[in-house]
Amino acid sequence: MALDYEGLYNACYMQVYSFLLTMSRDRSLAEELTEQTFYKAMTTDSEYRGEGSELTWLCAIAKNLYADEQRRRTRQADMDAAGDVTGGQTVEDGALDRDMAFRIHLILHDMAEPYKEVFQLRVFGELSFREIGRIFGKTETWARVTYHRARLKIQERMEGEDG
């Protein structure tokens, strides 16, 4: 089924934008995601199949893009809130510095499970807490707490080495 994307854009832009604005309460984010929605609708492999209204299809795409953005922001906030390591760096920032990364890997090598694996999955594997919890057959909260404890253990060891 061939769609008239220009007509679809003209007919549905404000409705998709309003939908995203209601969810995000952020005009610039709603504008950006609305544009991404129409771009994805035009370029995606999964085309409109006619199983509902075109607006419903576009709103489903918009909702998924919004969810992706929220996950990205949550992950970034988790990294930002991870805490300080000596020198004012977070553990994650320190992983980018070669010397700091080597120190972190030495500490991780001796760290007990599950702290070691949870930290590695979160920082190096970039998995969400929900995904980590699923790997271990535990809850998202368990993964968050375990990651936080691992980060504190690394921070304490690093401060102990510097002190």
C-alpha atoms as a PDB file:
ATOM      1  CA  MET A   1       0.000   0.000   0.000  1.00  0.00           C
ATOM      2  CA  ALA A   2       1.686   3.200  -1.193  1.00  0.00           C
ATOM      3  CA  LEU A   3       1.249   6.170   1.100  1.00  0.00           C
ATOM      4  CA  ASP A   4       1.220   9.839   0.210  1.00  0.00           C
ATOM      5  CA  TYR A   5       3.790  10.872   2.823  1.00  0.00           C
ATOM      6  CA  GLU A   6       3.492  14.590   2.119  1.00  0.00           C
ATOM      7  CA  GLY A   7      -0.277  14.431   2.535  1.00  0.00           C
ATOM      8  CA  LEU A   8       0.123  12.279   5.636  1.00  0.00           C
ATOM      9  CA  TYR A   9       2.600  14.784   7.071  1.00  0.00           C
ATOM     10  CA  ASN A  10       0.288  17.719   6.390  1.00  0.00           C
ATOM     11  CA  ALA A  11      -2.756  15.904   7.775  1.00  0.00           C
ATOM     12  CA  CYS A  12      -1.215  14.350  10.893  1.00  0.00           C
ATOM     13  CA  TYR A  13       1.737  16.527  11.954  1.00  0.00           C
ATOM     14  CA  MET A  14      -0.143  18.515  14.620  1.00  0.00           C
ATOM     15  CA  GLN A  15      -1.842  15.437  16.046  1.00  0.00           C
ATOM     16  CA  VAL A  16       1.424  13.519  16.369  1.00  0.00           C
ATOM     17  CA  TYR A  17       3.137  16.604  17.805  1.00  0.00           C
ATOM     18  CA  SER A  18       0.308  17.087  20.337  1.00  0.00           C
ATOM     19  CA  PHE A  19       0.504  13.418  21.296  1.00  0.00           C
ATOM     20  CA  LEU A  20       4.250  13.700  21.941  1.00  0.00           C
ATOM     21  CA  LEU A  21       3.886  17.050  23.716  1.00  0.00           C
ATOM     22  CA  THR A  22       1.335  15.499  26.076  1.00  0.00           C
ATOM     23  CA  MET A  23       3.745  12.663  26.901  1.00  0.00           C
ATOM     24  CA  SER A  24       6.957  14.672  27.131  1.00  0.00           C
ATOM     25  CA  ARG A  25       5.760  18.116  28.275  1.00  0.00           C
ATOM     26  CA  ASP A  26       8.745  19.476  26.331  1.00  0.00           C
ATOM     27  CA  ARG A  27       8.111  21.432  23.123  1.00  0.00           C
ATOM     28  CA  SER A  28      11.537  21.007  21.580  1.00  0.00           C
ATOM     29  CA  LEU A  29      11.615  17.273  22.341  1.00  0.00           C
ATOM     30  CA  ALA A  30       8.102  16.878  20.931  1.00  0.00           C
ATOM     31  CA  GLU A  31       9.132  18.703  17.744  1.00  0.00           C
ATOM     32  CA  GLU A  32      12.279  16.614  17.356  1.00  0.00           C
ATOM     33  CA  LEU A  33      10.474  13.328  17.952  1.00  0.00           C
ATOM     34  CA  THR A  34       7.652  14.312  15.597  1.00  0.00           C
ATOM     35  CA  GLU A  35      10.177  14.862  12.827  1.00  0.00           C
ATOM     36  CA  GLN A  36      11.840  11.550  13.662  1.00  0.00           C
ATOM     37  CA  THR A  37       8.440   9.852  13.580  1.00  0.00           C
ATOM     38  CA  PHE A  38       7.708  10.957  10.040  1.00  0.00           C
ATOM     39  CA  TYR A  39      11.258  10.194   8.938  1.00  0.00           C
ATOM     40  CA  LYS A  40      11.022   6.694  10.367  1.00  0.00           C
ATOM     41  CA  ALA A  41       7.593   6.198   8.803  1.00  0.00           C
ATOM     42  CA  MET A  42       9.052   7.032   5.403  1.00  0.00           C
ATOM     43  CA  THR A  43      12.255   5.046   5.722  1.00  0.00           C
ATOM     44  CA  THR A  44      11.395   2.038   7.863  1.00  0.00           C
ATOM     45  CA  ASP A  45      11.168  -1.494   6.544  1.00  0.00           C
ATOM     46  CA  SER A  46       7.909  -2.131   8.382  1.00  0.00           C
ATOM     47  CA  GLU A  47       5.403  -0.247   6.311  1.00  0.00           C
ATOM     48  CA  TYR A  48       1.876   0.759   7.131  1.00  0.00           C
ATOM     49  CA  ARG A  49      -0.256  -2.358   6.666  1.00  0.00           C
ATOM     50  CA  GLY A  50      -3.668  -0.716   6.803  1.00  0.00           C
ATOM     51  CA  GLU A  51      -4.652  -2.509  10.046  1.00  0.00           C
ATOM     52  CA  GLY A  52      -5.718   0.730  11.702  1.00  0.00           C
ATOM     53  CA  SER A  53      -5.692   4.400  10.984  1.00  0.00           C
ATOM     54  CA  GLU A  54      -2.535   5.993   9.663  1.00  0.00           C
ATOM     55  CA  LEU A  55      -2.573   8.280  12.702  1.00  0.00           C
ATOM     56  CA  THR A  56      -2.578   5.269  15.029  1.00  0.00           C
ATOM     57  CA  TRP A  57       0.415   3.841  13.156  1.00  0.00           C
ATOM     58  CA  LEU A  58       2.275   7.169  13.418  1.00  0.00           C
ATOM     59  CA  CYS A  59       1.469   7.487  17.126  1.00  0.00           C
ATOM     60  CA  ALA A  60       2.794   3.969  17.736  1.00  0.00           C
ATOM     61  CA  ILE A  61       6.058   4.964  16.054  1.00  0.00           C
ATOM     62  CA  ALA A  62       6.115   8.200  18.084  1.00  0.00           C
ATOM     63  CA  LYS A  63       5.470   6.339  21.342  1.00  0.00           C
ATOM     64  CA  ASN A  64       8.347   3.941  20.627  1.00  0.00           C
ATOM     65  CA  LEU A  65      10.707   6.811  19.788  1.00  0.00           C
ATOM     66  CA  TYR A  66       9.686   8.572  23.011  1.00  0.00           C
ATOM     67  CA  ALA A  67      10.322   5.388  25.021  1.00  0.00           C
ATOM     68  CA  ASP A  68      13.749   5.035  23.377  1.00  0.00           C
ATOM     69  CA  GLU A  69      14.552   8.644  24.303  1.00  0.00           C
ATOM     70  CA  GLN A  70      13.452   8.100  27.901  1.00  0.00           C
ATOM     71  CA  ARG A  71      15.660   5.006  28.191  1.00  0.00           C
ATOM     72  CA  ARG A  72      18.597   6.950  26.755  1.00  0.00           C
ATOM     73  CA  ARG A  73      18.025   9.806  29.203  1.00  0.00           C
ATOM     74  CA  THR A  74      17.630   7.429  32.140  1.00  0.00           C
ATOM     75  CA  ARG A  75      20.851   5.651  31.236  1.00  0.00           C
ATOM     76  CA  GLN A  76      22.653   8.991  30.961  1.00  0.00           C
ATOM     77  CA  ALA A  77      21.233  10.140  34.294  1.00  0.00           C
ATOM     78  CA  ASP A  78      22.365   6.855  35.888  1.00  0.00           C
ATOM     79  CA  MET A  79      25.861   7.447  34.580  1.00  0.00           C
ATOM     80  CA  ASP A  80      25.878  11.084  35.720  1.00  0.00           C
ATOM     81  CA  ALA A  81      24.614  10.179  39.185  1.00  0.00           C
ATOM     82  CA  ALA A  82      27.040   7.298  39.598  1.00  0.00           C
ATOM     83  CA  GLY A  83      29.173   9.333  41.982  1.00  0.00           C
ATOM     84  CA  ASP A  84      32.655  10.634  42.227  1.00  0.00           C
ATOM     85  CA  VAL A  85      35.889   8.733  42.145  1.00  0.00           C
ATOM     86  CA  THR A  86      39.144  10.344  43.166  1.00  0.00           C
ATOM     87  CA  GLY A  87      39.978  13.339  41.045  1.00  0.00           C
ATOM     88  CA  GLY A  88      36.307  14.227  40.622  1.00  0.00           C
ATOM     89  CA  GLN A  89      35.699  11.552  37.972  1.00  0.00           C
ATOM     90  CA  THR A  90      32.870   9.061  38.042  1.00  0.00           C
ATOM     91  CA  VAL A  91      33.815   5.426  37.703  1.00  0.00           C
ATOM     92  CA  GLU A  92      32.356   5.475  34.191  1.00  0.00           C
ATOM     93  CA  ASP A  93      34.352   8.582  33.206  1.00  0.00           C
ATOM     94  CA  GLY A  94      37.434   6.950  34.662  1.00  0.00           C
ATOM     95  CA  ALA A  95      36.885   3.922  32.450  1.00  0.00           C
ATOM     96  CA  LEU A  96      37.561   6.195  29.504  1.00  0.00           C
ATOM     97  CA  ASP A  97      40.952   7.196  30.867  1.00  0.00           C
ATOM     98  CA  ARG A  98      43.448   4.439  30.039  1.00  0.00           C
ATOM     99  CA  ASP A  99      45.291   4.431  33.372  1.00  0.00           C
ATOM    100  CA  MET A 100      42.074   4.699  35.337  1.00  0.00           C
ATOM    101  CA  ALA A 101      40.534   1.923  33.228  1.00  0.00           C
ATOM    102  CA  PHE A 102      43.467  -0.346  34.025  1.00  0.00           C
ATOM    103  CA  ARG A 103      43.076   0.370  37.753  1.00  0.00           C
ATOM    104  CA  ILE A 104      39.351  -0.348  37.557  1.00  0.00           C
ATOM    105  CA  HIS A 105      39.988  -3.614  35.725  1.00  0.00           C
ATOM    106  CA  LEU A 106      42.519  -4.677  38.371  1.00  0.00           C
ATOM    107  CA  ILE A 107      39.949  -3.988  41.080  1.00  0.00           C
ATOM    108  CA  LEU A 108      37.223  -5.765  39.091  1.00  0.00           C
ATOM    109  CA  HIS A 109      39.471  -8.783  38.611  1.00  0.00           C
ATOM    110  CA  ASP A 110      39.543  -9.343  42.372  1.00  0.00           C
ATOM    111  CA  MET A 111      35.926  -8.319  43.018  1.00  0.00           C
ATOM    112  CA  ALA A 112      33.429 -10.942  44.113  1.00  0.00           C
ATOM    113  CA  GLU A 113      30.438 -11.930  42.015  1.00  0.00           C
ATOM    114  CA  PRO A 114      27.796 -10.731  41.311  1.00  0.00           C
ATOM    115  CA  TYR A 115      29.220  -7.222  41.800  1.00  0.00           C
ATOM    116  CA  LYS A 116      31.905  -7.743  39.189  1.00  0.00           C
ATOM    117  CA  GLU A 117      29.573  -8.965  36.454  1.00  0.00           C
ATOM    118  CA  VAL A 118      26.791  -6.465  37.190  1.00  0.00           C
ATOM    119  CA  PHE A 119      29.241  -3.558  37.011  1.00  0.00           C
ATOM    120  CA  GLN A 120      30.752  -4.847  33.768  1.00  0.00           C
ATOM    121  CA  LEU A 121      27.347  -5.430  32.168  1.00  0.00           C
ATOM    122  CA  ARG A 122      26.194  -1.938  33.122  1.00  0.00           C
ATOM    123  CA  VAL A 123      29.304   0.082  32.261  1.00  0.00           C
ATOM    124  CA  PHE A 124      30.984  -1.871  29.500  1.00  0.00           C
ATOM    125  CA  GLY A 125      27.970  -3.765  28.147  1.00  0.00           C
ATOM    126  CA  GLU A 126      25.695  -0.700  28.465  1.00  0.00           C
ATOM    127  CA  LEU A 127      22.759  -2.856  29.552  1.00  0.00           C
ATOM    128  CA  SER A 128      19.785  -1.449  31.421  1.00  0.00           C
ATOM    129  CA  PHE A 129      19.129  -2.462  35.016  1.00  0.00           C
ATOM    130  CA  ARG A 130      16.053  -4.311  33.806  1.00  0.00           C
ATOM    131  CA  GLU A 131      18.168  -6.340  31.356  1.00  0.00           C
ATOM    132  CA  ILE A 132      20.774  -7.080  34.015  1.00  0.00           C
ATOM    133  CA  GLY A 133      18.067  -8.220  36.414  1.00  0.00           C
ATOM    134  CA  ARG A 134      16.675 -10.563  33.758  1.00  0.00           C
ATOM    135  CA  ILE A 135      20.117 -12.095  33.158  1.00  0.00           C
ATOM    136  CA  PHE A 136      20.406 -12.955  36.849  1.00  0.00           C
ATOM    137  CA  GLY A 137      16.738 -13.889  37.258  1.00  0.00           C
ATOM    138  CA  LYS A 138      16.332 -11.013  39.713  1.00  0.00           C
ATOM    139  CA  THR A 139      14.505  -7.678  39.796  1.00  0.00           C
ATOM    140  CA  GLU A 140      15.518  -4.358  38.306  1.00  0.00           C
ATOM    141  CA  THR A 141      15.878  -3.018  41.855  1.00  0.00           C
ATOM    142  CA  TRP A 142      18.278  -5.831  42.746  1.00  0.00           C
ATOM    143  CA  ALA A 143      20.410  -4.901  39.718  1.00  0.00           C
ATOM    144  CA  ARG A 144      20.438  -1.213  40.720  1.00  0.00           C
ATOM    145  CA  VAL A 145      21.440  -1.971  44.301  1.00  0.00           C
ATOM    146  CA  THR A 146      24.129  -4.463  43.256  1.00  0.00           C
ATOM    147  CA  TYR A 147      25.561  -2.000  40.720  1.00  0.00           C
ATOM    148  CA  HIS A 148      25.591   0.784  43.318  1.00  0.00           C
ATOM    149  CA  ARG A 149      27.389  -1.456  45.824  1.00  0.00           C
ATOM    150  CA  ALA A 150      29.948  -2.499  43.198  1.00  0.00           C
ATOM    151  CA  ARG A 151      30.591   1.137  42.316  1.00  0.00           C
ATOM    152  CA  LEU A 152      31.091   1.983  45.995  1.00  0.00           C
ATOM    153  CA  LYS A 153      33.508  -0.945  46.414  1.00  0.00           C
ATOM    154  CA  ILE A 154      35.551   0.280  43.442  1.00  0.00           C
ATOM    155  CA  GLN A 155      35.515   3.827  44.748  1.00  0.00           C
ATOM    156  CA  GLU A 156      36.646   2.720  48.223  1.00  0.00           C
ATOM    157  CA  ARG A 157      39.497   0.611  46.792  1.00  0.00           C
ATOM    158  CA  MET A 158      40.663   3.474  44.587  1.00  0.00           C
ATOM    159  CA  GLU A 159      40.568   5.937  47.484  1.00  0.00           C
ATOM    160  CA  GLY A 160      42.455   3.399  49.608  1.00  0.00           C
ATOM    161  CA  GLU A 161      45.187   3.139  46.967  1.00  0.00           C
ATOM    162  CA  ASP A 162      45.505   6.931  46.722  1.00  0.00           C
ATOM    163  CA  GLY A 163      45.422   7.509  50.483  1.00  0.00           C
END
